[in-house]
Amino acid sequence: MALIVLIGSQAVGKMTVGQELEKRIDGKLLFNHQTLDLFADFLGYSKPAFMLSDRTRKELFKAFVTNLENNTTKTIIFTVVIDFDSAYDLEFLQDISSIFLEADQEVYFIELVAKLRTRLKRNVHEDRLKMKPSKRDTKFSRRELLSAAKHARLESREQELNTLFPPVKHLKINNTKLSPEEVCDRIIEAFQLE
């Protein structure tokens, strides 16, 4: 049993890589908008919506590690955007990794990075728009992506994840020119997941 966290900025390809990884390992994808959009539909993209979404995710993870005999998969593949200058975001990563580590389960952080131009193209990809209703307002989504790129630190510094989360296995992949299949090959090979 394990937690695989795909970390990266908006439209970097986390969900797409997660969907491909789901096909190749005994894992099930929970992408960040599945919980966030539930609450945002009522509360907007407000602080309470984000907090409720995070609380729901943590409760799911706690139930997962204590429900081995009934789980439908061995691994949760989870996607999230992290601002590395946000104490709240780093604490969230610490909390979710601790849930699994304290249950003697593996945790993997895979950080995906890509050039802004590539992310802007991916931002309007039909699969992204199909799976994430909140991204269908492409003008708003583009502004949000550009604003986050300017005002948040969405990429870790060299060795930062190793320093902050020493018991967690890490991998950083620039997937600007890689297919989801190639990214999954690297993840599976690095961590021997098959």
N, C-alpha and C. Protein backbone atom coordinates (compact mmCIF):
# COMPACT_ATOMS: atom_id res chain seq x y z
N MET A 1 0.84 -1.18 0.00
CA MET A 1 0.00 0.00 0.00
C MET A 1 0.88 1.23 0.00
N ALA A 2 0.47 2.26 -0.77
CA ALA A 2 1.32 3.43 -0.90
C ALA A 2 0.50 4.65 -1.27
N LEU A 3 1.15 5.81 -1.12
CA LEU A 3 0.62 7.08 -1.60
C LEU A 3 1.63 7.64 -2.59
N ILE A 4 1.17 7.91 -3.79
CA ILE A 4 1.98 8.58 -4.81
C ILE A 4 1.39 9.96 -4.99
N VAL A 5 2.18 10.99 -4.73
CA VAL A 5 1.71 12.37 -4.87
C VAL A 5 2.38 12.99 -6.08
N LEU A 6 1.57 13.35 -7.05
CA LEU A 6 2.06 14.06 -8.24
C LEU A 6 1.91 15.55 -7.96
N ILE A 7 3.04 16.22 -7.82
CA ILE A 7 3.08 17.64 -7.45
C ILE A 7 3.45 18.45 -8.69
N GLY A 8 2.82 19.59 -8.86
CA GLY A 8 3.22 20.46 -9.97
C GLY A 8 2.23 21.59 -10.16
N SER A 9 2.63 22.54 -10.97
CA SER A 9 1.80 23.71 -11.23
C SER A 9 0.62 23.34 -12.12
N GLN A 10 -0.29 24.28 -12.29
CA GLN A 10 -1.47 24.04 -13.11
C GLN A 10 -1.07 23.66 -14.53
N ALA A 11 -1.78 22.67 -15.07
CA ALA A 11 -1.63 22.24 -16.46
C ALA A 11 -0.25 21.66 -16.77
N VAL A 12 0.45 21.19 -15.76
CA VAL A 12 1.76 20.57 -16.01
C VAL A 12 1.59 19.13 -16.50
N GLY A 13 0.42 18.56 -16.24
CA GLY A 13 0.16 17.19 -16.70
C GLY A 13 -0.03 16.18 -15.60
N LYS A 14 -0.31 16.63 -14.39
CA LYS A 14 -0.44 15.72 -13.25
C LYS A 14 -1.57 14.71 -13.46
N MET A 15 -2.74 15.20 -13.83
CA MET A 15 -3.88 14.30 -13.99
C MET A 15 -3.63 13.29 -15.11
N THR A 16 -3.08 13.76 -16.22
CA THR A 16 -2.83 12.89 -17.36
C THR A 16 -1.81 11.82 -17.01
N VAL A 17 -0.76 12.20 -16.32
CA VAL A 17 0.24 11.22 -15.87
C VAL A 17 -0.40 10.26 -14.87
N GLY A 18 -1.22 10.79 -13.97
CA GLY A 18 -1.91 9.95 -13.00
C GLY A 18 -2.82 8.93 -13.67
N GLN A 19 -3.52 9.35 -14.72
CA GLN A 19 -4.39 8.43 -15.45
C GLN A 19 -3.59 7.31 -16.11
N GLU A 20 -2.44 7.66 -16.64
CA GLU A 20 -1.58 6.65 -17.27
C GLU A 20 -0.99 5.72 -16.22
N LEU A 21 -0.57 6.28 -15.11
CA LEU A 21 0.00 5.47 -14.03
C LEU A 21 -1.05 4.50 -13.48
N GLU A 22 -2.27 4.96 -13.41
CA GLU A 22 -3.39 4.15 -12.92
C GLU A 22 -3.56 2.88 -13.77
N LYS A 23 -3.24 2.97 -15.06
CA LYS A 23 -3.34 1.82 -15.96
C LYS A 23 -2.23 0.80 -15.73
N ARG A 24 -1.12 1.25 -15.12
CA ARG A 24 0.08 0.44 -15.10
C ARG A 24 0.44 -0.15 -13.74
N ILE A 25 -0.18 0.37 -12.69
CA ILE A 25 0.07 -0.18 -11.36
C ILE A 25 -1.27 -0.44 -10.68
N ASP A 26 -1.23 -1.09 -9.54
CA ASP A 26 -2.46 -1.30 -8.77
C ASP A 26 -2.71 -0.02 -7.98
N GLY A 27 -3.23 0.99 -8.69
CA GLY A 27 -3.45 2.30 -8.08
C GLY A 27 -4.71 2.95 -8.63
N LYS A 28 -5.24 3.87 -7.87
CA LYS A 28 -6.43 4.61 -8.27
C LYS A 28 -6.16 6.10 -8.09
N LEU A 29 -6.56 6.88 -9.09
CA LEU A 29 -6.28 8.31 -9.13
C LEU A 29 -7.33 9.12 -8.38
N LEU A 30 -6.85 10.03 -7.56
CA LEU A 30 -7.67 11.09 -6.95
C LEU A 30 -7.01 12.40 -7.37
N PHE A 31 -7.58 13.06 -8.38
CA PHE A 31 -6.98 14.34 -8.78
C PHE A 31 -7.62 15.47 -7.99
N ASN A 32 -6.84 16.51 -7.75
CA ASN A 32 -7.21 17.54 -6.78
C ASN A 32 -8.59 18.16 -7.01
N HIS A 33 -9.03 18.28 -8.25
CA HIS A 33 -10.33 18.91 -8.51
C HIS A 33 -11.52 18.03 -8.14
N GLN A 34 -11.29 16.75 -7.96
CA GLN A 34 -12.41 15.88 -7.59
C GLN A 34 -12.99 16.28 -6.23
N THR A 35 -12.15 16.67 -5.31
CA THR A 35 -12.67 17.12 -4.02
C THR A 35 -12.89 18.63 -4.02
N LEU A 36 -11.96 19.37 -4.58
CA LEU A 36 -12.07 20.83 -4.54
C LEU A 36 -13.33 21.35 -5.23
N ASP A 37 -13.62 20.82 -6.41
CA ASP A 37 -14.77 21.32 -7.16
C ASP A 37 -16.09 21.01 -6.46
N LEU A 38 -16.12 19.93 -5.69
CA LEU A 38 -17.33 19.61 -4.92
C LEU A 38 -17.71 20.76 -3.99
N PHE A 39 -16.72 21.26 -3.25
CA PHE A 39 -16.99 22.34 -2.30
C PHE A 39 -17.07 23.70 -2.99
N ALA A 40 -16.26 23.90 -4.03
CA ALA A 40 -16.27 25.18 -4.74
C ALA A 40 -17.60 25.42 -5.45
N ASP A 41 -18.28 24.34 -5.78
CA ASP A 41 -19.58 24.48 -6.43
C ASP A 41 -20.57 25.21 -5.53
N PHE A 42 -20.35 25.14 -4.21
CA PHE A 42 -21.22 25.81 -3.25
C PHE A 42 -20.58 27.06 -2.65
N LEU A 43 -19.26 27.04 -2.49
CA LEU A 43 -18.56 28.09 -1.75
C LEU A 43 -17.64 28.96 -2.60
N GLY A 44 -17.57 28.65 -3.90
CA GLY A 44 -16.60 29.33 -4.74
C GLY A 44 -15.20 28.85 -4.38
N TYR A 45 -14.20 29.34 -5.06
CA TYR A 45 -12.82 28.94 -4.78
C TYR A 45 -12.29 29.80 -3.63
N SER A 46 -12.89 29.56 -2.48
CA SER A 46 -12.61 30.35 -1.29
C SER A 46 -11.77 29.53 -0.32
N LYS A 47 -11.26 30.20 0.70
CA LYS A 47 -10.47 29.51 1.72
C LYS A 47 -11.27 28.38 2.37
N PRO A 48 -12.55 28.58 2.73
CA PRO A 48 -13.30 27.46 3.30
C PRO A 48 -13.41 26.26 2.36
N ALA A 49 -13.55 26.50 1.06
CA ALA A 49 -13.64 25.39 0.10
C ALA A 49 -12.34 24.60 0.07
N PHE A 50 -11.21 25.31 0.05
CA PHE A 50 -9.91 24.63 0.03
C PHE A 50 -9.70 23.86 1.33
N MET A 51 -10.08 24.44 2.46
CA MET A 51 -9.89 23.77 3.74
C MET A 51 -10.76 22.52 3.85
N LEU A 52 -12.01 22.61 3.41
CA LEU A 52 -12.88 21.43 3.43
C LEU A 52 -12.35 20.34 2.49
N SER A 53 -11.86 20.74 1.35
CA SER A 53 -11.29 19.78 0.41
C SER A 53 -10.09 19.07 1.03
N ASP A 54 -9.19 19.83 1.65
CA ASP A 54 -8.02 19.23 2.29
C ASP A 54 -8.41 18.30 3.42
N ARG A 55 -9.39 18.70 4.21
CA ARG A 55 -9.85 17.86 5.32
C ARG A 55 -10.44 16.55 4.79
N THR A 56 -11.21 16.63 3.72
CA THR A 56 -11.80 15.43 3.12
C THR A 56 -10.72 14.48 2.62
N ARG A 57 -9.71 15.03 1.97
CA ARG A 57 -8.61 14.20 1.47
C ARG A 57 -7.91 13.49 2.63
N LYS A 58 -7.61 14.22 3.68
CA LYS A 58 -6.93 13.61 4.83
C LYS A 58 -7.77 12.50 5.44
N GLU A 59 -9.07 12.73 5.56
CA GLU A 59 -9.94 11.69 6.14
C GLU A 59 -9.97 10.45 5.25
N LEU A 60 -9.99 10.65 3.94
CA LEU A 60 -9.93 9.52 3.02
C LEU A 60 -8.63 8.74 3.21
N PHE A 61 -7.52 9.45 3.30
CA PHE A 61 -6.23 8.79 3.46
C PHE A 61 -6.15 8.02 4.78
N LYS A 62 -6.69 8.60 5.85
CA LYS A 62 -6.71 7.91 7.14
C LYS A 62 -7.53 6.63 7.06
N ALA A 63 -8.69 6.72 6.43
CA ALA A 63 -9.54 5.53 6.28
C ALA A 63 -8.84 4.48 5.42
N PHE A 64 -8.13 4.92 4.40
CA PHE A 64 -7.45 4.00 3.48
C PHE A 64 -6.41 3.15 4.20
N VAL A 65 -5.61 3.77 5.06
CA VAL A 65 -4.54 3.01 5.73
C VAL A 65 -5.07 2.10 6.84
N THR A 66 -6.31 2.32 7.27
CA THR A 66 -6.87 1.47 8.33
C THR A 66 -7.92 0.49 7.80
N ASN A 67 -8.06 0.40 6.50
CA ASN A 67 -9.12 -0.39 5.89
C ASN A 67 -8.57 -1.37 4.86
N LEU A 68 -7.41 -1.93 5.13
CA LEU A 68 -6.69 -2.74 4.14
C LEU A 68 -7.54 -3.83 3.51
N GLU A 69 -8.31 -4.51 4.31
CA GLU A 69 -9.05 -5.67 3.79
C GLU A 69 -10.17 -5.29 2.84
N ASN A 70 -10.61 -4.05 2.85
CA ASN A 70 -11.72 -3.64 1.99
C ASN A 70 -11.33 -2.68 0.86
N ASN A 71 -10.10 -2.17 0.87
CA ASN A 71 -9.69 -1.22 -0.17
C ASN A 71 -9.77 -1.86 -1.55
N THR A 72 -10.12 -1.06 -2.53
CA THR A 72 -10.22 -1.56 -3.90
C THR A 72 -8.91 -1.43 -4.68
N THR A 73 -7.90 -0.87 -4.05
CA THR A 73 -6.60 -0.67 -4.69
C THR A 73 -5.52 -0.66 -3.63
N LYS A 74 -4.27 -0.85 -4.07
CA LYS A 74 -3.15 -0.81 -3.12
C LYS A 74 -2.56 0.58 -2.97
N THR A 75 -2.81 1.43 -3.96
CA THR A 75 -2.13 2.72 -4.00
C THR A 75 -3.10 3.84 -4.36
N ILE A 76 -2.98 4.96 -3.66
CA ILE A 76 -3.68 6.18 -4.07
C ILE A 76 -2.68 7.05 -4.82
N ILE A 77 -3.07 7.45 -6.02
CA ILE A 77 -2.30 8.39 -6.82
C ILE A 77 -3.02 9.72 -6.69
N PHE A 78 -2.36 10.70 -6.10
CA PHE A 78 -3.01 11.96 -5.75
C PHE A 78 -2.27 13.12 -6.42
N THR A 79 -3.02 14.07 -6.96
CA THR A 79 -2.40 15.23 -7.60
C THR A 79 -2.68 16.48 -6.79
N VAL A 80 -1.68 17.38 -6.76
CA VAL A 80 -1.85 18.60 -5.98
C VAL A 80 -0.90 19.69 -6.49
N VAL A 81 -1.37 20.93 -6.40
CA VAL A 81 -0.53 22.10 -6.67
C VAL A 81 0.01 22.57 -5.32
N ILE A 82 1.30 22.79 -5.23
CA ILE A 82 1.94 23.22 -3.99
C ILE A 82 2.68 24.53 -4.22
N ASP A 83 2.42 25.50 -3.36
CA ASP A 83 3.23 26.72 -3.32
C ASP A 83 4.31 26.47 -2.26
N PHE A 84 5.53 26.34 -2.69
CA PHE A 84 6.62 25.99 -1.78
C PHE A 84 6.99 27.11 -0.81
N ASP A 85 6.38 28.28 -0.98
CA ASP A 85 6.56 29.36 0.00
C ASP A 85 5.39 29.42 0.98
N SER A 86 4.45 28.50 0.86
CA SER A 86 3.27 28.50 1.73
C SER A 86 3.44 27.48 2.85
N ALA A 87 3.46 27.96 4.08
CA ALA A 87 3.55 27.06 5.23
C ALA A 87 2.36 26.10 5.26
N TYR A 88 1.17 26.59 4.88
CA TYR A 88 -0.02 25.75 4.86
C TYR A 88 0.16 24.58 3.88
N ASP A 89 0.64 24.86 2.68
CA ASP A 89 0.82 23.81 1.67
C ASP A 89 1.86 22.78 2.12
N LEU A 90 2.96 23.26 2.70
CA LEU A 90 3.99 22.33 3.16
C LEU A 90 3.49 21.49 4.34
N GLU A 91 2.70 22.10 5.20
CA GLU A 91 2.12 21.35 6.32
C GLU A 91 1.14 20.29 5.79
N PHE A 92 0.40 20.63 4.74
CA PHE A 92 -0.52 19.66 4.14
C PHE A 92 0.26 18.45 3.62
N LEU A 93 1.35 18.70 2.91
CA LEU A 93 2.19 17.59 2.42
C LEU A 93 2.72 16.75 3.58
N GLN A 94 3.14 17.44 4.65
CA GLN A 94 3.63 16.72 5.83
C GLN A 94 2.53 15.86 6.44
N ASP A 95 1.35 16.41 6.55
CA ASP A 95 0.22 15.69 7.14
C ASP A 95 -0.14 14.45 6.33
N ILE A 96 -0.27 14.60 5.03
CA ILE A 96 -0.70 13.43 4.23
C ILE A 96 0.38 12.37 4.16
N SER A 97 1.64 12.79 4.09
CA SER A 97 2.71 11.78 4.06
C SER A 97 2.79 11.07 5.40
N SER A 98 2.59 11.78 6.49
CA SER A 98 2.64 11.17 7.83
C SER A 98 1.57 10.11 8.02
N ILE A 99 0.40 10.33 7.45
CA ILE A 99 -0.68 9.35 7.57
C ILE A 99 -0.21 7.99 7.06
N PHE A 100 0.47 7.98 5.93
CA PHE A 100 0.94 6.72 5.34
C PHE A 100 2.20 6.22 6.03
N LEU A 101 3.14 7.11 6.30
CA LEU A 101 4.40 6.69 6.91
C LEU A 101 4.17 6.09 8.30
N GLU A 102 3.26 6.68 9.07
CA GLU A 102 2.98 6.16 10.41
C GLU A 102 2.28 4.81 10.36
N ALA A 103 1.71 4.46 9.20
CA ALA A 103 1.11 3.15 9.01
C ALA A 103 2.09 2.20 8.30
N ASP A 104 3.38 2.60 8.29
CA ASP A 104 4.45 1.80 7.65
C ASP A 104 4.19 1.58 6.16
N GLN A 105 3.67 2.60 5.51
CA GLN A 105 3.41 2.53 4.07
C GLN A 105 4.34 3.48 3.33
N GLU A 106 4.59 3.17 2.08
CA GLU A 106 5.48 3.99 1.25
C GLU A 106 4.80 5.28 0.80
N VAL A 107 5.60 6.33 0.68
CA VAL A 107 5.12 7.60 0.13
C VAL A 107 6.14 8.05 -0.92
N TYR A 108 5.61 8.47 -2.07
CA TYR A 108 6.44 8.94 -3.18
C TYR A 108 5.94 10.32 -3.60
N PHE A 109 6.87 11.27 -3.72
CA PHE A 109 6.56 12.58 -4.27
C PHE A 109 7.19 12.65 -5.65
N ILE A 110 6.39 12.82 -6.67
CA ILE A 110 6.89 13.03 -8.03
C ILE A 110 6.51 14.44 -8.42
N GLU A 111 7.52 15.28 -8.62
CA GLU A 111 7.27 16.66 -9.00
C GLU A 111 7.44 16.78 -10.51
N LEU A 112 6.40 17.27 -11.17
CA LEU A 112 6.43 17.50 -12.61
C LEU A 112 6.62 18.99 -12.87
N VAL A 113 7.51 19.29 -13.78
CA VAL A 113 7.74 20.67 -14.19
C VAL A 113 7.73 20.74 -15.72
N ALA A 114 7.27 21.86 -16.23
CA ALA A 114 7.24 22.06 -17.68
C ALA A 114 7.30 23.56 -17.96
N LYS A 115 7.73 23.89 -19.15
CA LYS A 115 7.81 25.29 -19.55
C LYS A 115 6.40 25.91 -19.58
N LEU A 116 6.34 27.19 -19.28
CA LEU A 116 5.06 27.91 -19.21
C LEU A 116 4.30 27.80 -20.53
N ARG A 117 4.99 27.94 -21.64
CA ARG A 117 4.33 27.87 -22.96
C ARG A 117 3.63 26.51 -23.14
N THR A 118 4.29 25.46 -22.72
CA THR A 118 3.70 24.12 -22.80
C THR A 118 2.48 24.02 -21.90
N ARG A 119 2.57 24.56 -20.71
CA ARG A 119 1.45 24.51 -19.77
C ARG A 119 0.25 25.29 -20.30
N LEU A 120 0.50 26.41 -20.95
CA LEU A 120 -0.61 27.18 -21.52
C LEU A 120 -1.32 26.39 -22.62
N LYS A 121 -0.58 25.62 -23.40
CA LYS A 121 -1.21 24.76 -24.42
C LYS A 121 -2.01 23.65 -23.74
N ARG A 122 -1.43 23.03 -22.74
CA ARG A 122 -2.12 21.94 -22.04
C ARG A 122 -3.34 22.44 -21.29
N ASN A 123 -3.34 23.69 -20.92
CA ASN A 123 -4.45 24.26 -20.15
C ASN A 123 -5.78 24.19 -20.89
N VAL A 124 -5.74 24.12 -22.22
CA VAL A 124 -6.98 24.08 -23.00
C VAL A 124 -7.18 22.73 -23.68
N HIS A 125 -6.43 21.73 -23.26
CA HIS A 125 -6.57 20.39 -23.84
C HIS A 125 -7.96 19.85 -23.53
N GLU A 126 -8.56 19.17 -24.49
CA GLU A 126 -9.95 18.71 -24.32
C GLU A 126 -10.14 17.77 -23.14
N ASP A 127 -9.16 16.92 -22.82
CA ASP A 127 -9.30 16.03 -21.67
C ASP A 127 -9.34 16.81 -20.36
N ARG A 128 -8.51 17.84 -20.28
CA ARG A 128 -8.49 18.68 -19.08
C ARG A 128 -9.85 19.37 -18.89
N LEU A 129 -10.38 19.91 -19.98
CA LEU A 129 -11.66 20.62 -19.90
C LEU A 129 -12.80 19.66 -19.60
N LYS A 130 -12.71 18.45 -20.11
CA LYS A 130 -13.75 17.45 -19.86
C LYS A 130 -13.78 17.04 -18.38
N MET A 131 -12.62 16.84 -17.79
CA MET A 131 -12.53 16.32 -16.43
C MET A 131 -12.64 17.41 -15.37
N LYS A 132 -12.37 18.65 -15.73
CA LYS A 132 -12.34 19.74 -14.75
C LYS A 132 -13.26 20.87 -15.19
N PRO A 133 -14.51 20.82 -14.79
CA PRO A 133 -15.47 21.86 -15.22
C PRO A 133 -15.00 23.28 -14.92
N SER A 134 -14.28 23.47 -13.83
CA SER A 134 -13.84 24.82 -13.46
C SER A 134 -12.83 25.40 -14.45
N LYS A 135 -12.24 24.56 -15.29
CA LYS A 135 -11.25 25.03 -16.26
C LYS A 135 -11.88 25.37 -17.60
N ARG A 136 -13.18 25.17 -17.73
CA ARG A 136 -13.84 25.40 -19.03
C ARG A 136 -13.96 26.87 -19.37
N ASP A 137 -13.89 27.73 -18.37
CA ASP A 137 -13.77 29.16 -18.63
C ASP A 137 -12.29 29.40 -18.90
N THR A 138 -11.90 29.22 -20.14
CA THR A 138 -10.47 29.18 -20.46
C THR A 138 -9.78 30.53 -20.27
N LYS A 139 -10.51 31.62 -20.43
CA LYS A 139 -9.89 32.93 -20.18
C LYS A 139 -9.54 33.08 -18.70
N PHE A 140 -10.49 32.71 -17.84
CA PHE A 140 -10.24 32.77 -16.40
C PHE A 140 -9.10 31.81 -16.02
N SER A 141 -9.16 30.61 -16.55
CA SER A 141 -8.15 29.59 -16.23
C SER A 141 -6.75 30.05 -16.65
N ARG A 142 -6.67 30.68 -17.81
CA ARG A 142 -5.37 31.19 -18.29
C ARG A 142 -4.85 32.29 -17.35
N ARG A 143 -5.74 33.21 -16.97
CA ARG A 143 -5.34 34.29 -16.05
C ARG A 143 -4.85 33.71 -14.72
N GLU A 144 -5.59 32.72 -14.22
CA GLU A 144 -5.23 32.07 -12.96
C GLU A 144 -3.86 31.39 -13.07
N LEU A 145 -3.64 30.69 -14.16
CA LEU A 145 -2.35 30.02 -14.38
C LEU A 145 -1.21 31.03 -14.43
N LEU A 146 -1.39 32.10 -15.18
CA LEU A 146 -0.35 33.12 -15.30
C LEU A 146 -0.11 33.84 -13.98
N SER A 147 -1.18 34.12 -13.25
CA SER A 147 -1.03 34.78 -11.95
C SER A 147 -0.27 33.89 -10.97
N ALA A 148 -0.61 32.62 -10.93
CA ALA A 148 0.08 31.69 -10.03
C ALA A 148 1.56 31.57 -10.42
N ALA A 149 1.83 31.54 -11.70
CA ALA A 149 3.22 31.44 -12.17
C ALA A 149 4.03 32.66 -11.72
N LYS A 150 3.36 33.81 -11.63
CA LYS A 150 4.04 35.05 -11.26
C LYS A 150 4.16 35.23 -9.75
N HIS A 151 3.13 34.80 -9.01
CA HIS A 151 3.05 35.15 -7.59
C HIS A 151 3.31 34.00 -6.62
N ALA A 152 3.41 32.77 -7.11
CA ALA A 152 3.63 31.63 -6.21
C ALA A 152 4.87 30.86 -6.68
N ARG A 153 5.52 30.21 -5.74
CA ARG A 153 6.69 29.38 -6.08
C ARG A 153 6.22 27.94 -6.21
N LEU A 154 5.92 27.55 -7.45
CA LEU A 154 5.29 26.27 -7.72
C LEU A 154 6.29 25.18 -8.11
N GLU A 155 7.56 25.47 -7.97
CA GLU A 155 8.61 24.48 -8.23
C GLU A 155 9.58 24.48 -7.06
N SER A 156 9.94 23.29 -6.62
CA SER A 156 10.87 23.19 -5.49
C SER A 156 12.28 23.57 -5.93
N ARG A 157 13.06 23.97 -4.96
CA ARG A 157 14.49 24.20 -5.21
C ARG A 157 15.22 22.85 -5.17
N GLU A 158 16.43 22.85 -5.66
CA GLU A 158 17.22 21.62 -5.67
C GLU A 158 17.34 21.05 -4.26
N GLN A 159 17.01 19.78 -4.12
CA GLN A 159 17.08 19.03 -2.85
C GLN A 159 16.09 19.50 -1.78
N GLU A 160 15.21 20.43 -2.11
CA GLU A 160 14.28 20.95 -1.10
C GLU A 160 13.35 19.87 -0.56
N LEU A 161 12.79 19.06 -1.44
CA LEU A 161 11.90 18.01 -0.98
C LEU A 161 12.64 16.99 -0.12
N ASN A 162 13.87 16.67 -0.49
CA ASN A 162 14.68 15.75 0.32
C ASN A 162 14.92 16.31 1.71
N THR A 163 15.16 17.60 1.78
CA THR A 163 15.43 18.25 3.07
C THR A 163 14.17 18.33 3.92
N LEU A 164 13.05 18.71 3.31
CA LEU A 164 11.80 18.89 4.06
C LEU A 164 11.13 17.57 4.44
N PHE A 165 11.29 16.57 3.57
CA PHE A 165 10.58 15.30 3.77
C PHE A 165 11.55 14.12 3.60
N PRO A 166 12.51 13.98 4.51
CA PRO A 166 13.54 12.95 4.32
C PRO A 166 13.03 11.52 4.21
N PRO A 167 11.93 11.12 4.88
CA PRO A 167 11.51 9.73 4.74
C PRO A 167 10.73 9.42 3.46
N VAL A 168 10.43 10.46 2.67
CA VAL A 168 9.64 10.29 1.46
C VAL A 168 10.59 10.15 0.27
N LYS A 169 10.25 9.23 -0.63
CA LYS A 169 11.04 9.05 -1.85
C LYS A 169 10.62 10.12 -2.86
N HIS A 170 11.60 10.72 -3.55
CA HIS A 170 11.33 11.86 -4.42
C HIS A 170 11.86 11.63 -5.83
N LEU A 171 11.20 12.29 -6.76
CA LEU A 171 11.65 12.30 -8.15
C LEU A 171 11.11 13.57 -8.79
N LYS A 172 11.97 14.27 -9.52
CA LYS A 172 11.55 15.47 -10.24
C LYS A 172 11.76 15.21 -11.72
N ILE A 173 10.71 15.47 -12.50
CA ILE A 173 10.76 15.18 -13.94
C ILE A 173 10.31 16.42 -14.71
N ASN A 174 11.13 16.85 -15.64
CA ASN A 174 10.72 17.89 -16.58
C ASN A 174 10.00 17.17 -17.72
N ASN A 175 8.69 17.35 -17.79
CA ASN A 175 7.90 16.64 -18.79
C ASN A 175 7.46 17.54 -19.94
N THR A 176 8.21 18.62 -20.17
CA THR A 176 7.88 19.53 -21.26
C THR A 176 7.79 18.77 -22.58
N LYS A 177 8.73 17.87 -22.82
CA LYS A 177 8.78 17.16 -24.10
C LYS A 177 8.54 15.66 -23.96
N LEU A 178 8.02 15.24 -22.81
CA LEU A 178 7.78 13.82 -22.58
C LEU A 178 6.29 13.50 -22.66
N SER A 179 5.99 12.35 -23.18
CA SER A 179 4.60 11.87 -23.18
C SER A 179 4.28 11.35 -21.79
N PRO A 180 2.98 11.23 -21.46
CA PRO A 180 2.60 10.65 -20.17
C PRO A 180 3.18 9.23 -20.00
N GLU A 181 3.24 8.48 -21.08
CA GLU A 181 3.79 7.13 -21.02
C GLU A 181 5.27 7.16 -20.65
N GLU A 182 6.01 8.10 -21.23
CA GLU A 182 7.44 8.21 -20.90
C GLU A 182 7.65 8.64 -19.45
N VAL A 183 6.81 9.54 -18.97
CA VAL A 183 6.90 9.96 -17.57
C VAL A 183 6.64 8.76 -16.66
N CYS A 184 5.61 7.99 -16.97
CA CYS A 184 5.30 6.81 -16.15
C CYS A 184 6.43 5.79 -16.19
N ASP A 185 7.04 5.61 -17.35
CA ASP A 185 8.20 4.71 -17.44
C ASP A 185 9.27 5.13 -16.44
N ARG A 186 9.54 6.42 -16.37
CA ARG A 186 10.58 6.92 -15.45
C ARG A 186 10.18 6.71 -13.99
N ILE A 187 8.92 6.96 -13.68
CA ILE A 187 8.45 6.78 -12.30
C ILE A 187 8.54 5.32 -11.90
N ILE A 188 8.02 4.45 -12.75
CA ILE A 188 8.00 3.02 -12.44
C ILE A 188 9.42 2.48 -12.31
N GLU A 189 10.31 2.91 -13.20
CA GLU A 189 11.70 2.45 -13.13
C GLU A 189 12.40 2.99 -11.88
N ALA A 190 12.21 4.25 -11.58
CA ALA A 190 12.90 4.86 -10.43
C ALA A 190 12.50 4.20 -9.12
N PHE A 191 11.23 3.85 -8.99
CA PHE A 191 10.74 3.32 -7.71
C PHE A 191 10.40 1.83 -7.77
N GLN A 192 10.67 1.21 -8.93
CA GLN A 192 10.41 -0.23 -9.09
C GLN A 192 8.98 -0.57 -8.68
N LEU A 193 8.02 0.10 -9.29
CA LEU A 193 6.63 -0.03 -8.89
C LEU A 193 5.90 -1.20 -9.54
N GLU A 194 6.46 -1.81 -10.58
CA GLU A 194 5.76 -2.95 -11.21
C GLU A 194 6.19 -4.23 -10.55
